[in-house]
C-alpha atoms as a PDB file:
ATOM      1  CA  UNK A   1     -34.508  10.650  16.177  1.00  0.00           C
ATOM      2  CA  UNK A   2     -31.913  13.700  17.308  1.00  0.00           C
ATOM      3  CA  UNK A   3     -29.231  12.515  19.842  1.00  0.00           C
ATOM      4  CA  UNK A   4     -27.680  14.749  22.072  1.00  0.00           C
ATOM      5  CA  UNK A   5     -23.565  13.999  21.781  1.00  0.00           C
ATOM      6  CA  UNK A   6     -23.103  15.040  25.142  1.00  0.00           C
ATOM      7  CA  UNK A   7     -26.102  12.567  26.836  1.00  0.00           C
ATOM      8  CA  UNK A   8     -24.402   9.892  24.421  1.00  0.00           C
ATOM      9  CA  UNK A   9     -20.755  10.250  25.718  1.00  0.00           C
ATOM     10  CA  UNK A  10     -21.693  10.497  29.176  1.00  0.00           C
ATOM     11  CA  UNK A  11     -23.880   7.311  28.567  1.00  0.00           C
ATOM     12  CA  UNK A  12     -20.915   4.976  26.587  1.00  0.00           C
ATOM     13  CA  UNK A  13     -18.370   6.519  29.707  1.00  0.00           C
ATOM     14  CA  UNK A  14     -20.987   4.545  31.831  1.00  0.00           C
ATOM     15  CA  UNK A  15     -21.426   1.469  29.692  1.00  0.00           C
ATOM     16  CA  UNK A  16     -17.462   0.858  28.852  1.00  0.00           C
ATOM     17  CA  UNK A  17     -16.718   0.978  32.083  1.00  0.00           C
ATOM     18  CA  UNK A  18     -19.426  -1.517  32.919  1.00  0.00           C
ATOM     19  CA  UNK A  19     -18.912  -4.143  30.439  1.00  0.00           C
ATOM     20  CA  UNK A  20     -15.539  -5.136  29.191  1.00  0.00           C
ATOM     21  CA  UNK A  21     -13.138  -2.950  31.029  1.00  0.00           C
ATOM     22  CA  UNK A  22     -14.192  -4.293  33.889  1.00  0.00           C
ATOM     23  CA  UNK A  23     -12.454  -7.810  34.576  1.00  0.00           C
ATOM     24  CA  UNK A  24     -15.934  -8.933  36.574  1.00  0.00           C
ATOM     25  CA  UNK A  25     -18.606  -7.556  34.723  1.00  0.00           C
ATOM     26  CA  UNK A  26     -21.020 -10.681  33.875  1.00  0.00           C
ATOM     27  CA  UNK A  27     -21.433 -11.498  30.332  1.00  0.00           C
ATOM     28  CA  UNK A  28     -24.894 -11.054  28.574  1.00  0.00           C
ATOM     29  CA  UNK A  29     -26.409 -14.056  26.971  1.00  0.00           C
ATOM     30  CA  UNK A  30     -24.957 -14.999  23.707  1.00  0.00           C
ATOM     31  CA  UNK A  31     -26.683 -13.193  20.825  1.00  0.00           C
ATOM     32  CA  UNK A  32     -25.091 -15.396  17.946  1.00  0.00           C
ATOM     33  CA  UNK A  33     -22.931 -18.341  17.819  1.00  0.00           C
ATOM     34  CA  UNK A  34     -19.436 -18.532  19.684  1.00  0.00           C
ATOM     35  CA  UNK A  35     -20.261 -14.466  20.369  1.00  0.00           C
ATOM     36  CA  UNK A  36     -19.002 -13.415  23.702  1.00  0.00           C
ATOM     37  CA  UNK A  37     -21.516 -10.198  24.476  1.00  0.00           C
ATOM     38  CA  UNK A  38     -22.384  -7.832  27.071  1.00  0.00           C
ATOM     39  CA  UNK A  39     -25.337  -5.074  27.722  1.00  0.00           C
ATOM     40  CA  UNK A  40     -25.253  -2.268  30.134  1.00  0.00           C
ATOM     41  CA  UNK A  41     -28.596  -0.025  30.444  1.00  0.00           C
ATOM     42  CA  UNK A  42     -29.395   3.095  32.169  1.00  0.00           C
ATOM     43  CA  UNK A  43     -32.231   5.518  31.938  1.00  0.00           C
ATOM     44  CA  UNK A  44     -33.614   5.713  28.425  1.00  0.00           C
ATOM     45  CA  UNK A  45     -29.885   4.106  26.749  1.00  0.00           C
ATOM     46  CA  UNK A  46     -28.826   0.452  26.559  1.00  0.00           C
ATOM     47  CA  UNK A  47     -25.400  -0.794  25.319  1.00  0.00           C
ATOM     48  CA  UNK A  48     -24.717  -4.301  23.413  1.00  0.00           C
ATOM     49  CA  UNK A  49     -21.307  -5.370  23.082  1.00  0.00           C
ATOM     50  CA  UNK A  50     -20.771  -8.851  20.605  1.00  0.00           C
ATOM     51  CA  UNK A  51     -17.302 -10.002  19.848  1.00  0.00           C
ATOM     52  CA  UNK A  52     -15.782 -13.032  18.538  1.00  0.00           C
ATOM     53  CA  UNK A  53     -12.277 -14.171  19.042  1.00  0.00           C
ATOM     54  CA  UNK A  54     -10.074 -14.525  21.661  1.00  0.00           C
ATOM     55  CA  UNK A  55      -6.571 -13.639  21.050  1.00  0.00           C
ATOM     56  CA  UNK A  56      -7.203 -11.562  17.383  1.00  0.00           C
ATOM     57  CA  UNK A  57     -11.169 -10.461  17.775  1.00  0.00           C
ATOM     58  CA  UNK A  58     -14.131  -8.988  15.837  1.00  0.00           C
ATOM     59  CA  UNK A  59     -16.821  -7.262  16.895  1.00  0.00           C
ATOM     60  CA  UNK A  60     -19.748  -4.612  17.102  1.00  0.00           C
ATOM     61  CA  UNK A  61     -20.903  -2.000  19.725  1.00  0.00           C
ATOM     62  CA  UNK A  62     -24.582  -0.639  19.419  1.00  0.00           C
ATOM     63  CA  UNK A  63     -26.180   1.883  21.427  1.00  0.00           C
ATOM     64  CA  UNK A  64     -30.054   2.022  21.589  1.00  0.00           C
ATOM     65  CA  UNK A  65     -32.311   5.003  23.069  1.00  0.00           C
ATOM     66  CA  UNK A  66     -35.911   4.111  23.919  1.00  0.00           C
ATOM     67  CA  UNK A  67     -34.951   0.862  21.884  1.00  0.00           C
ATOM     68  CA  UNK A  68     -34.293   2.221  18.511  1.00  0.00           C
ATOM     69  CA  UNK A  69     -30.366   1.582  17.731  1.00  0.00           C
ATOM     70  CA  UNK A  70     -28.891   5.046  17.933  1.00  0.00           C
ATOM     71  CA  UNK A  71     -25.111   4.857  17.462  1.00  0.00           C
ATOM     72  CA  UNK A  72     -22.459   2.068  16.524  1.00  0.00           C
ATOM     73  CA  UNK A  73     -18.908   0.652  16.292  1.00  0.00           C
ATOM     74  CA  UNK A  74     -17.131  -1.837  14.454  1.00  0.00           C
ATOM     75  CA  UNK A  75     -13.620  -2.959  15.640  1.00  0.00           C
ATOM     76  CA  UNK A  76     -11.016  -5.510  14.700  1.00  0.00           C
ATOM     77  CA  UNK A  77      -7.747  -6.038  17.427  1.00  0.00           C
ATOM     78  CA  UNK A  78      -5.025  -8.312  17.300  1.00  0.00           C
ATOM     79  CA  UNK A  79      -1.680  -9.001  18.987  1.00  0.00           C
ATOM     80  CA  UNK A  80       1.198  -8.548  16.613  1.00  0.00           C
ATOM     81  CA  UNK A  81       4.003 -10.293  18.913  1.00  0.00           C
ATOM     82  CA  UNK A  82       3.779 -13.882  19.346  1.00  0.00           C
ATOM     83  CA  UNK A  83       5.650 -13.674  22.714  1.00  0.00           C
ATOM     84  CA  UNK A  84       3.237 -11.773  24.348  1.00  0.00           C
ATOM     85  CA  UNK A  85       0.009 -13.475  25.814  1.00  0.00           C
ATOM     86  CA  UNK A  86      -3.378 -12.804  25.727  1.00  0.00           C
ATOM     87  CA  UNK A  87      -3.805 -12.069  29.326  1.00  0.00           C
ATOM     88  CA  UNK A  88      -0.824  -9.686  29.688  1.00  0.00           C
ATOM     89  CA  UNK A  89      -1.974  -7.827  26.682  1.00  0.00           C
ATOM     90  CA  UNK A  90      -5.713  -7.734  27.558  1.00  0.00           C
ATOM     91  CA  UNK A  91      -5.273  -7.698  31.228  1.00  0.00           C
ATOM     92  CA  UNK A  92      -3.185  -3.983  30.512  1.00  0.00           C
ATOM     93  CA  UNK A  93      -5.874  -2.951  27.706  1.00  0.00           C
ATOM     94  CA  UNK A  94      -8.515  -3.369  30.472  1.00  0.00           C
ATOM     95  CA  UNK A  95      -6.669  -1.235  32.940  1.00  0.00           C
ATOM     96  CA  UNK A  96      -6.176   1.439  30.545  1.00  0.00           C
ATOM     97  CA  UNK A  97      -9.929   1.424  28.987  1.00  0.00           C
ATOM     98  CA  UNK A  98     -10.964   2.396  32.610  1.00  0.00           C
ATOM     99  CA  UNK A  99      -8.933   5.328  32.438  1.00  0.00           C
ATOM    100  CA  UNK A 100     -10.577   8.825  32.785  1.00  0.00           C
ATOM    101  CA  UNK A 101     -10.041  11.546  29.683  1.00  0.00           C
ATOM    102  CA  UNK A 102     -12.471  14.041  28.942  1.00  0.00           C
ATOM    103  CA  UNK A 103     -10.412  15.236  25.733  1.00  0.00           C
ATOM    104  CA  UNK A 104     -11.353  11.827  24.007  1.00  0.00           C
ATOM    105  CA  UNK A 105     -14.588  10.538  22.392  1.00  0.00           C
ATOM    106  CA  UNK A 106     -15.708   7.929  24.751  1.00  0.00           C
ATOM    107  CA  UNK A 107     -15.108   5.171  22.262  1.00  0.00           C
ATOM    108  CA  UNK A 108     -12.316   3.063  24.245  1.00  0.00           C
ATOM    109  CA  UNK A 109      -9.647   4.933  26.215  1.00  0.00           C
ATOM    110  CA  UNK A 110      -7.454   7.605  26.600  1.00  0.00           C
ATOM    111  CA  UNK A 111      -5.160   8.941  24.061  1.00  0.00           C
ATOM    112  CA  UNK A 112      -2.415   7.722  25.954  1.00  0.00           C
ATOM    113  CA  UNK A 113      -1.532   5.699  28.926  1.00  0.00           C
ATOM    114  CA  UNK A 114       1.652   4.583  30.281  1.00  0.00           C
ATOM    115  CA  UNK A 115       2.408   2.008  32.589  1.00  0.00           C
ATOM    116  CA  UNK A 116       5.787   0.824  33.683  1.00  0.00           C
ATOM    117  CA  UNK A 117       6.992  -0.916  30.280  1.00  0.00           C
ATOM    118  CA  UNK A 118       3.496  -0.873  28.928  1.00  0.00           C
ATOM    119  CA  UNK A 119       2.156   1.969  26.863  1.00  0.00           C
ATOM    120  CA  UNK A 120      -1.636   2.555  25.091  1.00  0.00           C
ATOM    121  CA  UNK A 121      -2.481   4.902  22.481  1.00  0.00           C
ATOM    122  CA  UNK A 122      -5.478   5.976  20.796  1.00  0.00           C
ATOM    123  CA  UNK A 123      -5.960   8.070  17.586  1.00  0.00           C
ATOM    124  CA  UNK A 124      -9.082   9.125  16.433  1.00  0.00           C
ATOM    125  CA  UNK A 125     -10.449  11.093  13.389  1.00  0.00           C
ATOM    126  CA  UNK A 126     -13.905  12.720  13.583  1.00  0.00           C
ATOM    127  CA  UNK A 127     -16.592  13.026  16.327  1.00  0.00           C
ATOM    128  CA  UNK A 128     -19.368  10.331  18.009  1.00  0.00           C
ATOM    129  CA  UNK A 129     -21.476  11.225  14.750  1.00  0.00           C
ATOM    130  CA  UNK A 130     -18.857   9.918  12.345  1.00  0.00           C
ATOM    131  CA  UNK A 131     -15.517   8.773  13.278  1.00  0.00           C
ATOM    132  CA  UNK A 132     -12.510   6.170  12.643  1.00  0.00           C
ATOM    133  CA  UNK A 133      -9.270   5.347  14.397  1.00  0.00           C
ATOM    134  CA  UNK A 134      -7.296   3.087  15.952  1.00  0.00           C
ATOM    135  CA  UNK A 135      -5.877   1.764  19.551  1.00  0.00           C
ATOM    136  CA  UNK A 136      -2.116   0.686  19.918  1.00  0.00           C
ATOM    137  CA  UNK A 137      -0.545  -1.268  22.303  1.00  0.00           C
ATOM    138  CA  UNK A 138       3.513  -0.955  23.037  1.00  0.00           C
ATOM    139  CA  UNK A 139       5.777  -2.587  25.072  1.00  0.00           C
ATOM    140  CA  UNK A 140       8.988  -1.316  25.712  1.00  0.00           C
ATOM    141  CA  UNK A 141       8.120   1.041  22.637  1.00  0.00           C
ATOM    142  CA  UNK A 142       7.184  -2.064  20.548  1.00  0.00           C
ATOM    143  CA  UNK A 143       3.799  -2.327  19.108  1.00  0.00           C
ATOM    144  CA  UNK A 144       2.333  -5.446  20.130  1.00  0.00           C
ATOM    145  CA  UNK A 145      -1.680  -5.327  19.620  1.00  0.00           C
ATOM    146  CA  UNK A 146      -3.148  -3.081  17.285  1.00  0.00           C
ATOM    147  CA  UNK A 147      -7.327  -2.655  16.568  1.00  0.00           C
ATOM    148  CA  UNK A 148      -8.845  -0.838  14.364  1.00  0.00           C
ATOM    149  CA  UNK A 149     -12.587   1.080  14.632  1.00  0.00           C
ATOM    150  CA  UNK A 150     -14.643   3.120  13.023  1.00  0.00           C
ATOM    151  CA  UNK A 151     -18.431   4.314  14.133  1.00  0.00           C
ATOM    152  CA  UNK A 152     -20.990   7.111  14.430  1.00  0.00           C
ATOM    153  CA  UNK A 153     -24.907   7.793  14.524  1.00  0.00           C
ATOM    154  CA  UNK A 154     -27.063   5.422  12.744  1.00  0.00           C
ATOM    155  CA  UNK A 155     -30.698   7.517  13.409  1.00  0.00           C
END
């Protein structure tokens, strides 16, 4: 199946803002033992995010077009500083993920977002068809969180 990357990008923007980034989004039924899951559908598209862990986590997102797996991303994130709570770091992360940025691949947040002492950074190489990168959260200039990610088309 040939995918339109612009159409995929538009769908990912909707899906990302309607799942984990939205603290009020309902979780989907768990797909595997001890997983946390989100699911979102719009027209011919469906998005499913499954992750494990709390403070440190690992997971995967898959996008389906007309029921066929079309795109995916794996990620692994850790809080690097024991003095920071998951609530503080991930509260800021959710805020950063909701920020609009048409210049960045819609796989996480914008290239950069700053709020008070907090800073979010995303660096990616490639395009939606094949990419890798990392996101970081800094507090007063010190990296307190890092997430590695990679993914691309699977059809």
